[in-house]
Amino acid sequence: MQNFRVYPKKGEPFTILIDKFSRDENRFIVYGDNRRPSNDGFLSFEHIAAIVPEEPKKRPSNAYMRDAFDFRVYLRNGARFDINADSCDATDPVTIKFFLVNRDGENVEISGIYIAPSEVVAVMPPDGLIYRD
């Protein structure tokens, strides 16, 4: 089980404790501590701007690759938060995706993140678009 921060399109962010969530078309499926879909919880797809883990996993530092850097996400409702990743992809019309590079040099999507592109004003590294080795 883990805490996820939910950013509604209107109103204040709040925290939920679930095992995970998934998306099926235009609805969310929440999973309880038995790792099965739960009928005891509901998240309204049409009212949510973003869902992110409160304590996202970060790639440990190593000698083979640079550390991932933060992307700051600015939502239309004024909320903002950071995602630690190597890259992002905003071409999916349903959610913005973030990736880490594994030891084989492959981009691996970070799970447990939902960000509605229609609710995003900007996604940008906080220190700007500077060259990173």
Protein backbone atom coordinates (compact mmCIF):
# COMPACT_ATOMS: atom_id res chain seq x y z
CA MET A 1 0.00 0.00 0.00
CA GLN A 2 1.15 3.50 -0.70
CA ASN A 3 -0.05 7.07 -0.50
CA PHE A 4 -1.02 8.82 -3.72
CA ARG A 5 -1.60 12.56 -4.00
CA VAL A 6 -4.76 13.34 -5.97
CA TYR A 7 -5.05 16.75 -7.64
CA PRO A 8 -8.67 17.51 -8.53
CA LYS A 9 -9.46 19.89 -11.37
CA LYS A 10 -11.13 22.12 -8.75
CA GLY A 11 -10.43 22.14 -5.05
CA GLU A 12 -7.54 21.16 -2.83
CA PRO A 13 -5.26 18.13 -3.35
CA PHE A 14 -5.80 15.17 -1.03
CA THR A 15 -4.09 11.88 -0.21
CA ILE A 16 -5.45 8.35 -0.65
CA LEU A 17 -3.97 5.06 0.56
CA ILE A 18 -4.26 2.29 -2.07
CA ASP A 19 -2.07 -0.45 -3.47
CA LYS A 20 -2.17 1.04 -6.98
CA PHE A 21 -4.52 2.37 -9.62
CA SER A 22 -4.97 1.71 -13.31
CA ARG A 23 -6.91 3.35 -16.10
CA ASP A 24 -9.42 1.58 -18.30
CA GLU A 25 -10.61 3.93 -21.05
CA ASN A 26 -12.20 6.82 -19.14
CA ARG A 27 -12.32 5.35 -15.64
CA PHE A 28 -9.93 4.55 -12.84
CA ILE A 29 -9.67 1.18 -11.16
CA VAL A 30 -8.32 1.25 -7.61
CA TYR A 31 -6.66 -1.73 -5.96
CA GLY A 32 -6.78 -2.58 -2.27
CA ASP A 33 -4.27 -4.31 -0.04
CA ASN A 34 -5.18 -7.70 -1.56
CA ARG A 35 -3.84 -6.37 -4.90
CA ARG A 36 -7.22 -6.85 -6.55
CA PRO A 37 -9.62 -4.26 -7.96
CA SER A 38 -11.73 -2.85 -5.16
CA ASN A 39 -15.40 -1.92 -5.17
CA ASP A 40 -14.89 -0.01 -1.91
CA GLY A 41 -13.31 3.04 -3.54
CA PHE A 42 -14.01 5.30 -6.51
CA LEU A 43 -12.09 8.04 -8.32
CA SER A 44 -13.99 10.26 -10.74
CA PHE A 45 -12.02 10.34 -14.00
CA GLU A 46 -13.70 13.52 -15.20
CA HIS A 47 -12.81 15.51 -12.06
CA ILE A 48 -9.14 14.54 -11.61
CA ALA A 49 -6.23 16.53 -13.04
CA ALA A 50 -3.42 14.31 -11.70
CA ILE A 51 -2.54 11.39 -9.44
CA VAL A 52 1.08 10.88 -8.35
CA PRO A 53 2.79 8.81 -5.65
CA GLU A 54 3.62 10.87 -2.56
CA GLU A 55 7.00 9.16 -2.34
CA PRO A 56 7.93 8.18 -5.90
CA LYS A 57 10.76 5.75 -6.45
CA LYS A 58 13.97 7.35 -7.67
CA ARG A 59 16.76 5.65 -9.54
CA PRO A 60 19.71 5.21 -7.21
CA SER A 61 22.87 7.04 -8.20
CA ASN A 62 25.43 4.92 -10.01
CA ALA A 63 28.64 5.35 -11.97
CA TYR A 64 27.05 4.35 -15.30
CA MET A 65 24.59 7.19 -15.83
CA ARG A 66 23.76 10.65 -14.60
CA ASP A 67 21.06 11.12 -11.97
CA ALA A 68 17.55 11.68 -13.24
CA PHE A 69 16.39 15.29 -12.85
CA ASP A 70 13.10 16.80 -11.81
CA PHE A 71 10.32 17.91 -14.07
CA ARG A 72 8.01 20.47 -12.49
CA VAL A 73 4.38 20.07 -13.52
CA TYR A 74 2.18 23.18 -13.38
CA LEU A 75 -1.57 22.52 -13.39
CA ARG A 76 -4.29 24.92 -14.53
CA ASN A 77 -5.71 25.06 -10.99
CA GLY A 78 -2.41 26.53 -9.72
CA ALA A 79 -1.05 23.34 -8.13
CA ARG A 80 2.45 22.16 -8.97
CA PHE A 81 4.60 19.15 -8.16
CA ASP A 82 7.84 17.52 -9.27
CA ILE A 83 8.43 14.19 -11.02
CA ASN A 84 11.95 12.73 -11.00
CA ALA A 85 12.63 11.26 -14.46
CA ASP A 86 14.97 11.27 -17.44
CA SER A 87 12.35 12.33 -19.98
CA CYS A 88 8.66 12.97 -20.50
CA ASP A 89 6.25 12.41 -23.37
CA ALA A 90 3.22 14.67 -23.75
CA THR A 91 1.96 13.18 -27.05
CA ASP A 92 -0.58 10.78 -25.46
CA PRO A 93 -3.96 12.59 -25.38
CA VAL A 94 -4.95 10.93 -22.07
CA THR A 95 -1.88 11.20 -19.81
CA ILE A 96 1.62 12.64 -19.75
CA LYS A 97 4.18 9.86 -19.40
CA PHE A 98 7.54 9.98 -17.65
CA PHE A 99 10.51 7.66 -18.22
CA LEU A 100 13.72 6.53 -16.57
CA VAL A 101 16.62 5.06 -18.55
CA ASN A 102 17.64 1.60 -17.34
CA ARG A 103 21.19 0.17 -17.37
CA ASP A 104 20.64 -1.11 -20.91
CA GLY A 105 19.87 2.41 -22.12
CA GLU A 106 16.15 1.71 -22.61
CA ASN A 107 13.40 4.12 -21.61
CA VAL A 108 11.12 2.53 -19.00
CA GLU A 109 7.82 4.22 -18.20
CA ILE A 110 7.32 5.18 -14.56
CA SER A 111 4.12 3.58 -13.29
CA GLY A 112 1.65 5.10 -10.84
CA ILE A 113 1.39 8.49 -12.53
CA TYR A 114 -1.64 10.01 -14.21
CA ILE A 115 -1.58 13.60 -15.46
CA ALA A 116 -4.36 14.88 -17.74
CA PRO A 117 -2.70 16.93 -20.52
CA SER A 118 -5.78 19.17 -20.76
CA GLU A 119 -5.14 20.28 -17.15
CA VAL A 120 -1.44 21.06 -17.59
CA VAL A 121 -0.09 24.55 -18.22
CA ALA A 122 3.58 23.50 -18.40
CA VAL A 123 6.05 20.70 -17.73
CA MET A 124 9.57 22.03 -17.35
CA PRO A 125 12.75 21.32 -15.38
CA PRO A 126 12.77 23.84 -12.50
CA ASP A 127 16.27 25.00 -13.47
CA GLY A 128 15.31 25.48 -17.13
CA LEU A 129 16.12 23.77 -20.41
CA ILE A 130 19.85 23.52 -19.90
CA TYR A 131 22.06 20.91 -21.51
CA ARG A 132 22.54 17.83 -19.30
CA ASP A 133 25.21 15.19 -19.88
